[in-house]
N, C-alpha and C. Protein backbone atom coordinates (compact mmCIF):
# COMPACT_ATOMS: atom_id res chain seq x y z
N MET A 1 -14.56 29.26 -1.77
CA MET A 1 -14.19 29.35 -0.66
C MET A 1 -12.24 28.83 -1.06
N ARG A 2 -11.41 29.29 -0.37
CA ARG A 2 -9.86 28.79 -0.77
C ARG A 2 -9.20 28.65 0.48
N ILE A 3 -9.67 27.50 1.50
CA ILE A 3 -9.10 26.96 2.58
C ILE A 3 -7.45 26.06 2.23
N ILE A 4 -6.56 26.32 3.00
CA ILE A 4 -5.68 25.51 2.76
C ILE A 4 -5.53 25.30 4.48
N THR A 5 -4.77 24.15 4.42
CA THR A 5 -4.62 23.43 5.89
C THR A 5 -3.24 23.04 6.11
N SER A 6 -2.50 22.97 7.02
CA SER A 6 -1.20 22.89 7.37
C SER A 6 -0.88 22.35 8.97
N GLU A 7 -0.12 21.56 8.73
CA GLU A 7 0.00 20.68 10.39
C GLU A 7 1.65 20.77 10.61
N GLN A 8 1.97 20.98 11.80
CA GLN A 8 3.33 20.80 12.40
C GLN A 8 2.81 20.02 13.69
N VAL A 9 4.11 19.29 14.01
CA VAL A 9 4.41 18.19 14.79
C VAL A 9 5.45 18.84 15.77
N SER A 10 5.78 18.69 16.97
CA SER A 10 6.18 19.19 18.14
C SER A 10 7.52 18.38 17.92
N ALA A 11 8.47 18.84 18.81
CA ALA A 11 9.92 17.73 18.75
C ALA A 11 9.78 16.92 19.36
N GLY A 12 8.92 16.51 20.57
CA GLY A 12 8.70 15.25 20.71
C GLY A 12 7.90 14.30 19.96
N HIS A 13 7.21 14.79 18.84
CA HIS A 13 6.61 13.89 17.87
C HIS A 13 7.47 12.55 17.06
N PRO A 14 7.22 11.62 17.07
CA PRO A 14 8.27 10.06 16.60
C PRO A 14 8.59 11.11 15.27
N ASP A 15 7.91 11.10 14.17
CA ASP A 15 8.57 12.00 13.23
C ASP A 15 9.43 12.72 13.79
N LYS A 16 9.40 14.09 14.24
CA LYS A 16 10.42 14.97 14.60
C LYS A 16 11.71 14.33 15.31
N ILE A 17 11.38 13.22 16.31
CA ILE A 17 12.72 12.77 16.66
C ILE A 17 13.53 11.88 15.68
N CYS A 18 12.97 11.45 14.69
CA CYS A 18 13.42 10.58 13.76
C CYS A 18 14.42 11.86 13.05
N ASP A 19 13.61 13.03 12.68
CA ASP A 19 14.43 13.88 12.11
C ASP A 19 15.51 14.34 12.81
N GLN A 20 15.35 14.74 14.07
CA GLN A 20 16.19 15.47 14.92
C GLN A 20 17.57 14.40 15.09
N ILE A 21 17.35 12.70 15.46
CA ILE A 21 18.48 12.23 15.54
C ILE A 21 18.88 12.29 13.99
N ALA A 22 18.57 12.17 12.92
CA ALA A 22 19.75 12.27 11.50
C ALA A 22 19.93 13.50 11.61
N ASP A 23 19.34 14.86 11.67
CA ASP A 23 20.48 15.82 11.98
C ASP A 23 21.38 15.89 12.62
N ALA A 24 21.45 15.09 13.76
CA ALA A 24 22.49 15.62 14.89
C ALA A 24 23.49 14.72 14.05
N ILE A 25 23.27 13.53 13.37
CA ILE A 25 24.18 12.77 13.16
C ILE A 25 25.21 13.49 11.61
N VAL A 26 24.19 14.18 10.96
CA VAL A 26 24.91 14.78 9.78
C VAL A 26 25.81 15.93 10.55
N THR A 27 25.01 16.83 11.40
CA THR A 27 25.97 18.02 11.92
C THR A 27 27.46 17.00 12.61
N ASP A 28 27.07 16.40 13.04
CA ASP A 28 28.38 15.74 13.95
C ASP A 28 29.24 15.47 12.84
N CYS A 29 28.96 14.58 11.88
CA CYS A 29 29.82 14.38 11.03
C CYS A 29 30.61 15.49 9.98
N LEU A 30 29.52 16.63 10.06
CA LEU A 30 30.42 17.57 9.25
C LEU A 30 31.11 18.44 9.74
N GLN A 31 31.19 18.12 11.33
CA GLN A 31 31.74 19.12 12.43
C GLN A 31 33.03 18.32 12.27
N HIS A 32 32.89 16.85 12.13
CA HIS A 32 34.31 16.66 12.01
C HIS A 32 35.32 16.20 10.89
N ASP A 33 34.59 16.23 9.67
CA ASP A 33 34.91 15.75 8.36
C ASP A 33 33.93 16.47 7.53
N ARG A 34 34.42 17.84 7.37
CA ARG A 34 33.37 18.54 5.97
C ARG A 34 32.90 18.12 4.80
N ASN A 35 34.04 16.95 4.64
CA ASN A 35 33.90 16.33 3.11
C ASN A 35 33.01 15.21 3.51
N SER A 36 32.43 14.85 4.57
CA SER A 36 31.31 13.96 5.02
C SER A 36 30.49 14.04 3.70
N ARG A 37 29.65 12.47 3.36
CA ARG A 37 28.71 12.18 2.57
C ARG A 37 28.00 11.39 3.72
N VAL A 38 26.46 11.81 3.91
CA VAL A 38 25.95 11.33 4.85
C VAL A 38 24.42 11.00 4.43
N ALA A 39 23.95 9.74 4.28
CA ALA A 39 22.73 9.39 3.77
C ALA A 39 21.86 8.67 4.43
N ILE A 40 21.12 8.88 5.76
CA ILE A 40 20.78 8.49 7.12
C ILE A 40 19.22 8.54 7.15
N GLU A 41 18.75 7.68 7.24
CA GLU A 41 17.03 7.28 7.65
C GLU A 41 17.19 6.75 9.10
N VAL A 42 16.25 7.40 9.75
CA VAL A 42 15.87 6.80 11.11
C VAL A 42 14.50 6.71 11.57
N LEU A 43 14.11 5.40 12.52
CA LEU A 43 12.92 4.81 12.52
C LEU A 43 12.89 4.82 14.07
N THR A 44 11.57 4.82 14.28
CA THR A 44 11.36 4.66 15.62
C THR A 44 10.05 3.96 16.27
N LYS A 45 9.83 3.41 16.95
CA LYS A 45 8.69 2.59 17.43
C LYS A 45 8.63 2.18 18.61
N ASP A 46 8.16 2.50 19.70
CA ASP A 46 8.23 2.32 20.89
C ASP A 46 9.96 2.59 21.47
N ASN A 47 10.00 1.50 21.76
CA ASN A 47 11.53 1.53 22.50
C ASN A 47 12.77 1.50 21.86
N PHE A 48 12.43 1.49 20.58
CA PHE A 48 13.40 1.13 19.66
C PHE A 48 13.54 2.26 18.72
N ILE A 49 14.99 1.99 18.30
CA ILE A 49 15.52 3.43 17.31
C ILE A 49 16.11 2.62 16.26
N ILE A 50 16.17 2.63 15.08
CA ILE A 50 16.84 1.89 14.15
C ILE A 50 17.46 3.04 13.17
N ILE A 51 18.74 3.12 13.33
CA ILE A 51 19.60 4.23 11.90
C ILE A 51 20.16 3.38 11.06
N ALA A 52 19.64 3.82 9.83
CA ALA A 52 20.36 3.15 8.84
C ALA A 52 20.56 3.72 7.26
N GLY A 53 21.52 3.41 7.01
CA GLY A 53 22.30 4.03 5.42
C GLY A 53 23.14 4.46 5.32
N GLU A 54 23.39 5.15 4.54
CA GLU A 54 25.35 5.10 4.02
C GLU A 54 25.96 6.56 4.51
N LEU A 55 27.09 6.19 5.17
CA LEU A 55 28.34 7.19 5.42
C LEU A 55 29.69 7.07 4.68
N THR A 56 29.96 8.19 4.21
CA THR A 56 31.64 8.12 3.91
C THR A 56 32.13 9.51 4.45
N SER A 57 32.99 9.15 5.56
CA SER A 57 33.52 9.95 6.32
C SER A 57 34.90 9.56 6.96
N ARG A 58 35.50 10.65 7.34
CA ARG A 58 36.82 10.13 8.48
C ARG A 58 36.20 10.11 9.57
N HIS A 59 35.41 10.64 10.06
CA HIS A 59 34.62 10.68 11.19
C HIS A 59 33.71 9.13 11.32
N LYS A 60 34.03 8.97 12.59
CA LYS A 60 33.09 7.64 13.38
C LYS A 60 32.50 8.38 14.24
N PRO A 61 30.62 8.56 14.01
CA PRO A 61 30.04 9.07 14.86
C PRO A 61 29.58 8.02 16.16
N ASN A 62 29.37 8.78 17.14
CA ASN A 62 28.85 7.90 18.24
C ASN A 62 27.36 7.50 18.12
N TYR A 63 26.89 6.88 17.42
CA TYR A 63 25.32 7.06 17.60
C TYR A 63 24.28 7.24 18.67
N ARG A 64 24.57 6.21 19.74
CA ARG A 64 24.23 5.94 20.92
C ARG A 64 24.61 7.55 21.45
N ASP A 65 25.48 8.19 21.99
CA ASP A 65 25.05 9.50 22.63
C ASP A 65 24.93 10.21 21.84
N LEU A 66 24.84 10.62 20.35
CA LEU A 66 24.12 11.34 19.74
C LEU A 66 22.23 11.04 20.02
N VAL A 67 21.90 9.97 19.91
CA VAL A 67 20.61 9.45 20.19
C VAL A 67 20.12 10.09 21.70
N ARG A 68 21.31 9.81 22.81
CA ARG A 68 20.55 10.33 24.22
C ARG A 68 20.58 11.84 24.01
N ASP A 69 21.73 12.33 23.33
CA ASP A 69 21.83 13.91 23.55
C ASP A 69 20.03 14.59 22.89
N VAL A 70 19.97 13.77 21.74
CA VAL A 70 18.57 14.46 21.16
C VAL A 70 17.63 14.29 22.08
N LEU A 71 17.35 13.00 22.49
CA LEU A 71 16.11 12.55 23.29
C LEU A 71 16.22 13.34 25.06
N ALA A 72 17.49 13.87 25.41
CA ALA A 72 17.39 14.96 26.46
C ALA A 72 17.29 15.95 26.16
N ARG A 73 17.62 16.73 24.84
CA ARG A 73 17.42 17.95 24.73
C ARG A 73 15.87 18.23 24.13
N ILE A 74 14.99 17.34 23.68
CA ILE A 74 13.76 17.27 23.81
C ILE A 74 12.78 17.33 24.78
N GLY A 75 13.55 16.99 25.83
CA GLY A 75 12.98 17.10 27.19
C GLY A 75 11.99 15.43 27.77
N PHE A 76 12.93 14.45 27.11
CA PHE A 76 12.25 13.50 27.88
C PHE A 76 13.18 13.17 29.16
N GLY A 77 12.28 12.80 30.05
CA GLY A 77 12.77 12.91 31.33
C GLY A 77 12.22 13.84 32.34
N LEU A 78 11.57 15.07 31.84
CA LEU A 78 11.30 16.21 32.13
C LEU A 78 9.53 15.94 32.19
N SER A 79 8.83 16.78 32.85
CA SER A 79 7.62 16.84 33.47
C SER A 79 6.72 15.45 33.50
N GLY A 80 7.90 14.73 34.46
CA GLY A 80 7.26 13.63 34.61
C GLY A 80 7.32 12.20 33.63
N GLU A 81 7.95 12.70 32.50
CA GLU A 81 7.77 11.64 31.19
C GLU A 81 9.38 10.96 31.49
N VAL A 82 8.94 9.61 31.17
CA VAL A 82 9.80 8.33 31.81
C VAL A 82 10.96 8.58 30.32
N PHE A 83 12.43 8.90 30.92
CA PHE A 83 13.95 8.92 29.73
C PHE A 83 14.13 7.67 29.77
N PHE A 84 13.43 6.86 28.80
CA PHE A 84 13.52 5.70 28.12
C PHE A 84 15.10 5.18 27.64
N GLU A 85 15.71 4.30 28.30
CA GLU A 85 17.07 3.91 27.25
C GLU A 85 16.77 2.48 25.96
N PRO A 86 16.67 3.74 24.97
CA PRO A 86 16.23 2.89 24.01
C PRO A 86 17.12 1.82 23.40
N ALA A 87 17.06 0.77 22.68
CA ALA A 87 17.16 0.02 22.22
C ALA A 87 17.96 0.41 20.58
N ILE A 88 18.91 0.32 20.49
CA ILE A 88 19.75 0.87 19.09
C ILE A 88 20.06 0.36 18.35
N THR A 89 19.72 0.28 17.02
CA THR A 89 20.17 -0.96 16.01
C THR A 89 20.84 0.15 15.04
N VAL A 90 22.10 0.33 14.59
CA VAL A 90 22.61 0.99 13.26
C VAL A 90 22.90 -0.30 12.32
N LEU A 91 22.59 0.23 11.21
CA LEU A 91 22.78 -0.56 10.04
C LEU A 91 23.17 0.62 8.87
N VAL A 92 24.69 0.80 9.49
CA VAL A 92 25.06 2.32 8.40
C VAL A 92 26.43 1.44 8.06
N LYS A 93 26.39 1.65 6.92
CA LYS A 93 27.79 1.18 5.94
C LYS A 93 28.41 2.60 5.30
N GLU A 94 29.46 1.99 4.29
CA GLU A 94 30.23 3.23 3.31
C GLU A 94 29.23 3.06 2.18
N GLN A 95 29.07 4.38 1.97
CA GLN A 95 28.64 4.68 0.61
C GLN A 95 28.65 3.78 -0.53
N SER A 96 27.75 3.44 -1.32
CA SER A 96 27.98 2.42 -2.52
C SER A 96 29.08 2.80 -3.47
N ALA A 97 29.75 2.23 -4.30
CA ALA A 97 30.81 2.73 -5.31
C ALA A 97 30.25 3.13 -6.14
N ASP A 98 28.94 2.92 -6.47
CA ASP A 98 28.21 3.31 -7.80
C ASP A 98 27.62 4.34 -7.82
N ILE A 99 27.39 5.23 -6.34
CA ILE A 99 26.64 6.20 -6.07
C ILE A 99 27.99 7.45 -5.78
N ALA A 100 29.07 6.59 -5.35
CA ALA A 100 30.52 7.16 -5.55
C ALA A 100 31.13 8.25 -6.53
N LEU A 101 31.03 7.07 -7.88
CA LEU A 101 31.23 7.65 -8.68
C LEU A 101 30.22 8.66 -9.43
N GLY A 102 29.32 8.76 -9.34
CA GLY A 102 28.58 9.75 -9.39
C GLY A 102 28.65 11.14 -8.97
N VAL A 103 29.13 11.22 -7.75
CA VAL A 103 29.41 12.40 -6.85
C VAL A 103 30.85 12.98 -6.73
N ASP A 104 31.98 11.66 -7.09
CA ASP A 104 33.07 12.07 -6.66
C ASP A 104 33.58 13.33 -7.18
N LYS A 105 33.19 13.80 -8.67
CA LYS A 105 33.85 15.02 -9.32
C LYS A 105 32.50 15.75 -9.25
N GLY A 106 32.23 16.40 -8.25
CA GLY A 106 31.14 17.79 -8.41
C GLY A 106 29.60 16.94 -8.83
N GLY A 107 29.86 16.26 -8.81
CA GLY A 107 28.29 15.46 -9.16
C GLY A 107 27.13 15.37 -7.71
N ALA A 108 26.10 15.77 -8.29
CA ALA A 108 24.52 15.81 -7.23
C ALA A 108 24.15 14.81 -6.35
N GLY A 109 24.86 13.90 -6.81
CA GLY A 109 24.46 12.52 -5.72
C GLY A 109 22.62 11.64 -6.33
N ASP A 110 22.21 11.44 -5.60
CA ASP A 110 20.68 11.17 -5.86
C ASP A 110 19.93 12.00 -6.48
N GLN A 111 18.82 11.60 -7.17
CA GLN A 111 17.92 12.47 -7.70
C GLN A 111 16.92 12.90 -6.75
N GLY A 112 16.87 13.31 -5.46
CA GLY A 112 16.18 13.68 -4.65
C GLY A 112 15.54 15.12 -5.02
N MET A 113 14.25 15.26 -4.70
CA MET A 113 13.53 16.81 -5.47
C MET A 113 12.66 17.22 -4.58
N MET A 114 13.13 18.41 -4.32
CA MET A 114 12.56 19.26 -3.27
C MET A 114 11.95 20.40 -3.75
N PHE A 115 10.76 20.97 -3.34
CA PHE A 115 10.22 22.28 -3.60
C PHE A 115 9.96 22.91 -2.87
N GLY A 116 9.67 24.39 -2.44
CA GLY A 116 8.96 25.34 -1.69
C GLY A 116 8.85 26.69 -1.93
N TYR A 117 7.98 27.64 -1.37
CA TYR A 117 8.05 28.97 -1.82
C TYR A 117 8.08 30.22 -0.59
N ALA A 118 8.46 31.05 -0.98
CA ALA A 118 8.51 32.03 0.24
C ALA A 118 6.78 32.94 -0.13
N THR A 119 6.28 33.30 0.44
CA THR A 119 5.12 34.16 0.81
C THR A 119 5.37 35.23 1.67
N ASN A 120 4.66 36.77 1.28
CA ASN A 120 4.54 37.80 2.15
C ASN A 120 3.85 37.79 3.04
N GLU A 121 3.14 36.39 3.51
CA GLU A 121 1.66 36.42 4.15
C GLU A 121 2.02 37.09 5.66
N THR A 122 3.34 36.30 5.77
CA THR A 122 3.67 36.50 7.30
C THR A 122 5.25 36.85 7.19
N PRO A 123 5.60 37.69 8.44
CA PRO A 123 7.18 37.96 8.98
C PRO A 123 7.84 36.75 8.48
N GLU A 124 7.56 35.84 8.56
CA GLU A 124 8.27 34.31 8.52
C GLU A 124 8.93 33.93 7.05
N LEU A 125 7.89 34.84 6.41
CA LEU A 125 7.69 34.11 4.64
C LEU A 125 7.39 33.01 4.74
N LEU A 126 6.55 32.43 5.34
CA LEU A 126 5.58 30.89 5.35
C LEU A 126 4.09 31.27 5.66
N PRO A 127 3.57 30.42 4.68
CA PRO A 127 2.22 30.33 4.80
C PRO A 127 1.57 30.62 6.49
N ILE A 128 0.53 31.07 6.27
CA ILE A 128 -0.08 31.78 7.64
C ILE A 128 -0.81 30.61 8.35
N PRO A 129 -1.22 29.28 7.71
CA PRO A 129 -1.37 28.20 8.54
C PRO A 129 -0.22 27.38 9.23
N PHE A 130 0.80 27.45 8.17
CA PHE A 130 1.67 26.89 8.99
C PHE A 130 2.26 27.73 10.28
N VAL A 131 2.36 29.05 10.01
CA VAL A 131 2.88 29.84 11.00
C VAL A 131 2.39 29.83 12.17
N VAL A 132 1.00 29.94 12.28
CA VAL A 132 0.08 29.51 13.13
C VAL A 132 0.37 28.41 14.18
N ALA A 133 0.35 27.39 13.28
CA ALA A 133 0.69 25.99 13.90
C ALA A 133 1.80 25.97 14.52
N THR A 134 2.97 26.54 14.12
CA THR A 134 4.44 26.35 14.71
C THR A 134 4.09 27.07 16.09
N LYS A 135 3.62 28.41 15.88
CA LYS A 135 3.64 29.28 16.86
C LYS A 135 3.11 28.72 18.22
N PHE A 136 1.64 27.80 17.76
CA PHE A 136 0.89 27.58 18.94
C PHE A 136 2.03 26.34 19.70
N LEU A 137 2.84 25.42 18.87
CA LEU A 137 3.51 24.78 19.88
C LEU A 137 4.63 25.03 20.40
N LYS A 138 5.35 26.29 19.91
CA LYS A 138 6.24 26.91 21.11
C LYS A 138 5.71 27.40 22.25
N MET A 139 4.22 28.07 22.11
CA MET A 139 3.61 28.40 22.85
C MET A 139 3.30 27.24 24.12
N LEU A 140 2.83 26.36 23.55
CA LEU A 140 2.73 25.01 24.36
C LEU A 140 3.78 24.85 25.06
N LYS A 141 4.82 24.68 24.24
CA LYS A 141 6.09 24.28 24.90
C LYS A 141 6.41 25.33 26.29
N ALA A 142 6.43 26.37 25.95
CA ALA A 142 6.44 27.32 27.29
C ALA A 142 5.90 27.01 28.28
N HIS A 143 4.50 26.60 27.96
CA HIS A 143 3.37 26.61 29.25
C HIS A 143 4.26 26.01 30.65
N PRO A 144 4.07 26.52 31.34
CA PRO A 144 4.47 25.93 32.75
C PRO A 144 3.37 24.74 33.25
N SER A 145 2.40 24.35 32.81
CA SER A 145 1.78 23.14 33.33
C SER A 145 2.92 21.69 33.04
N LYS A 146 3.11 20.88 34.17
CA LYS A 146 3.72 20.05 34.07
C LYS A 146 2.92 18.96 33.29
N MET A 147 1.73 19.08 33.12
CA MET A 147 1.07 17.62 32.75
C MET A 147 1.21 17.82 31.03
N PHE A 148 1.45 18.36 30.35
CA PHE A 148 1.74 18.35 28.90
C PHE A 148 3.16 17.46 28.73
N ARG A 149 2.97 16.80 27.84
CA ARG A 149 4.41 15.71 27.35
C ARG A 149 4.53 16.74 26.04
N SER A 150 6.10 16.03 25.66
CA SER A 150 6.94 16.66 24.21
C SER A 150 6.06 16.24 23.04
N ASP A 151 5.22 15.11 23.03
CA ASP A 151 4.83 15.03 21.92
C ASP A 151 3.10 15.62 21.84
N ALA A 152 3.34 16.70 20.66
CA ALA A 152 2.38 17.04 20.40
C ALA A 152 2.00 17.77 18.69
N LYS A 153 0.76 17.65 18.20
CA LYS A 153 1.04 18.24 16.87
C LYS A 153 -0.50 19.45 16.84
N ALA A 154 -0.63 20.29 15.60
CA ALA A 154 -1.42 21.59 15.65
C ALA A 154 -1.44 21.22 14.06
N GLN A 155 -2.75 21.48 13.85
CA GLN A 155 -3.75 21.68 12.57
C GLN A 155 -4.24 22.91 12.48
N VAL A 156 -3.81 23.53 11.41
CA VAL A 156 -4.90 25.06 11.07
C VAL A 156 -5.09 24.92 9.62
N SER A 157 -6.76 25.26 9.51
CA SER A 157 -7.56 25.49 8.31
C SER A 157 -7.39 26.87 8.45
N TYR A 158 -7.20 27.75 7.16
CA TYR A 158 -7.16 29.03 7.11
C TYR A 158 -7.90 29.01 5.77
N ASP A 159 -8.77 30.37 5.86
CA ASP A 159 -9.83 30.57 4.85
C ASP A 159 -8.86 32.00 3.78
N TYR A 160 -8.24 31.50 2.58
CA TYR A 160 -7.76 32.89 2.29
C TYR A 160 -8.85 34.26 1.76
N ASP A 161 -9.95 33.19 1.50
CA ASP A 161 -10.96 34.60 0.82
C ASP A 161 -11.60 35.53 1.70
N SER A 162 -12.09 34.63 3.25
CA SER A 162 -12.38 35.64 4.35
C SER A 162 -11.68 36.14 5.41
N GLY A 163 -10.16 35.61 5.45
CA GLY A 163 -9.13 35.73 6.07
C GLY A 163 -9.17 35.30 7.89
N LYS A 164 -10.09 33.92 7.57
CA LYS A 164 -9.85 33.77 9.33
C LYS A 164 -9.69 31.81 9.31
N ILE A 165 -9.25 31.79 10.46
CA ILE A 165 -8.92 30.33 10.89
C ILE A 165 -10.12 29.48 10.76
N THR A 166 -10.49 28.62 9.87
CA THR A 166 -11.80 27.55 10.02
C THR A 166 -11.80 26.76 11.04
N THR A 167 -10.66 25.83 11.02
CA THR A 167 -10.48 25.21 12.28
C THR A 167 -8.97 25.00 12.44
N PHE A 168 -9.03 24.92 13.89
CA PHE A 168 -7.82 24.83 14.90
C PHE A 168 -7.60 23.39 15.77
N LEU A 169 -6.97 22.47 15.37
CA LEU A 169 -6.95 21.29 15.92
C LEU A 169 -5.64 21.32 16.76
N CYS A 170 -5.52 20.94 17.97
CA CYS A 170 -4.35 20.28 18.35
C CYS A 170 -4.85 19.07 19.46
N SER A 171 -3.40 18.65 19.28
CA SER A 171 -3.69 16.87 20.26
C SER A 171 -2.01 17.30 20.70
N VAL A 172 -2.22 16.58 21.95
CA VAL A 172 -1.55 17.25 22.94
C VAL A 172 -1.05 15.77 23.94
N GLN A 173 -0.38 14.99 23.92
CA GLN A 173 -0.06 13.90 25.03
C GLN A 173 -0.12 14.68 26.46
N HIS A 174 -0.46 14.06 27.39
CA HIS A 174 -0.26 14.48 29.26
C HIS A 174 -0.14 13.55 29.93
N SER A 175 0.04 13.93 30.96
CA SER A 175 0.46 12.50 31.98
C SER A 175 -0.78 11.88 32.56
N PRO A 176 -0.82 10.65 32.69
CA PRO A 176 -2.21 9.67 32.53
C PRO A 176 -2.85 9.94 33.69
N ASP A 177 -2.51 10.79 35.04
CA ASP A 177 -3.40 11.12 35.84
C ASP A 177 -4.38 12.51 35.60
N VAL A 178 -4.20 13.14 34.37
CA VAL A 178 -5.15 14.37 34.09
C VAL A 178 -6.24 13.87 33.74
N GLU A 179 -6.65 14.60 34.05
CA GLU A 179 -8.67 14.78 33.45
C GLU A 179 -8.86 16.12 32.63
N PRO A 180 -10.00 15.86 31.44
CA PRO A 180 -10.15 16.93 30.78
C PRO A 180 -10.36 18.48 31.46
N ALA A 181 -10.99 18.03 32.61
CA ALA A 181 -11.49 19.68 33.50
C ALA A 181 -9.74 20.18 33.77
N ASP A 182 -9.09 19.49 33.79
CA ASP A 182 -7.50 19.93 34.67
C ASP A 182 -6.95 21.06 33.40
N PHE A 183 -7.69 20.71 32.01
CA PHE A 183 -6.97 21.65 31.17
C PHE A 183 -7.78 22.41 30.10
N ARG A 184 -9.36 22.11 30.09
CA ARG A 184 -10.05 22.85 29.72
C ARG A 184 -9.89 24.11 29.65
N HIS A 185 -9.76 24.69 31.10
CA HIS A 185 -9.79 25.98 31.44
C HIS A 185 -8.39 26.93 30.64
N ILE A 186 -7.56 26.37 30.27
CA ILE A 186 -6.42 26.94 29.71
C ILE A 186 -6.30 27.42 28.52
N ARG A 187 -6.16 28.92 28.51
CA ARG A 187 -6.22 29.79 27.10
C ARG A 187 -4.70 30.04 26.67
N PHE A 188 -4.74 30.16 25.44
CA PHE A 188 -3.28 30.47 24.82
C PHE A 188 -4.14 31.96 24.59
N VAL A 189 -3.06 32.72 24.19
CA VAL A 189 -3.50 34.33 24.07
C VAL A 189 -2.69 34.38 22.58
N TRP A 190 -3.10 34.60 21.43
CA TRP A 190 -2.23 34.84 20.26
C TRP A 190 -2.04 36.17 20.44
N SER A 191 -0.70 36.40 19.74
CA SER A 191 0.04 38.06 19.65
C SER A 191 0.49 37.76 18.35
N ALA A 192 0.26 38.89 16.90
CA ALA A 192 0.98 38.48 16.04
C ALA A 192 2.20 39.08 16.04
């Protein structure tokens, strides 16, 4: 058996919230100064959001507005979720002179490394278990029920030898007044 497992989290998952806030900051800076250098990390826990890193730009982002915009876009405040006013701590300073020396004249900056691959398994050119998990989260978001919250996770294990999903697991936050009987009847129909 050759089983590959992939996981995807929804926009309301804390990891994705942090990614989206960091992305919003980078986008905002580049829209106002295409030569911006942005190295931002975001951490969230409960009602706290910490934005830390280095920024060299003529633009000064309004971090609080960017955080509020991201939370509103995710859907906090919809479906009965509480739209919280987070305590935001900003720990951002200008890029260090040592790093700037390495990038000022066409350098690549830090030594970060990323890898990935495209595959013909799906029209999206991504691995089957990842695509299935991602599509499920899109279907969940589009579901008309008001009981589901924005934080969800889907995990799919796929056996490449048999061509079958061996395990499908989803975890979805829901409103506190919901009982298992309220959602056990819900079925999602997959269309490739």
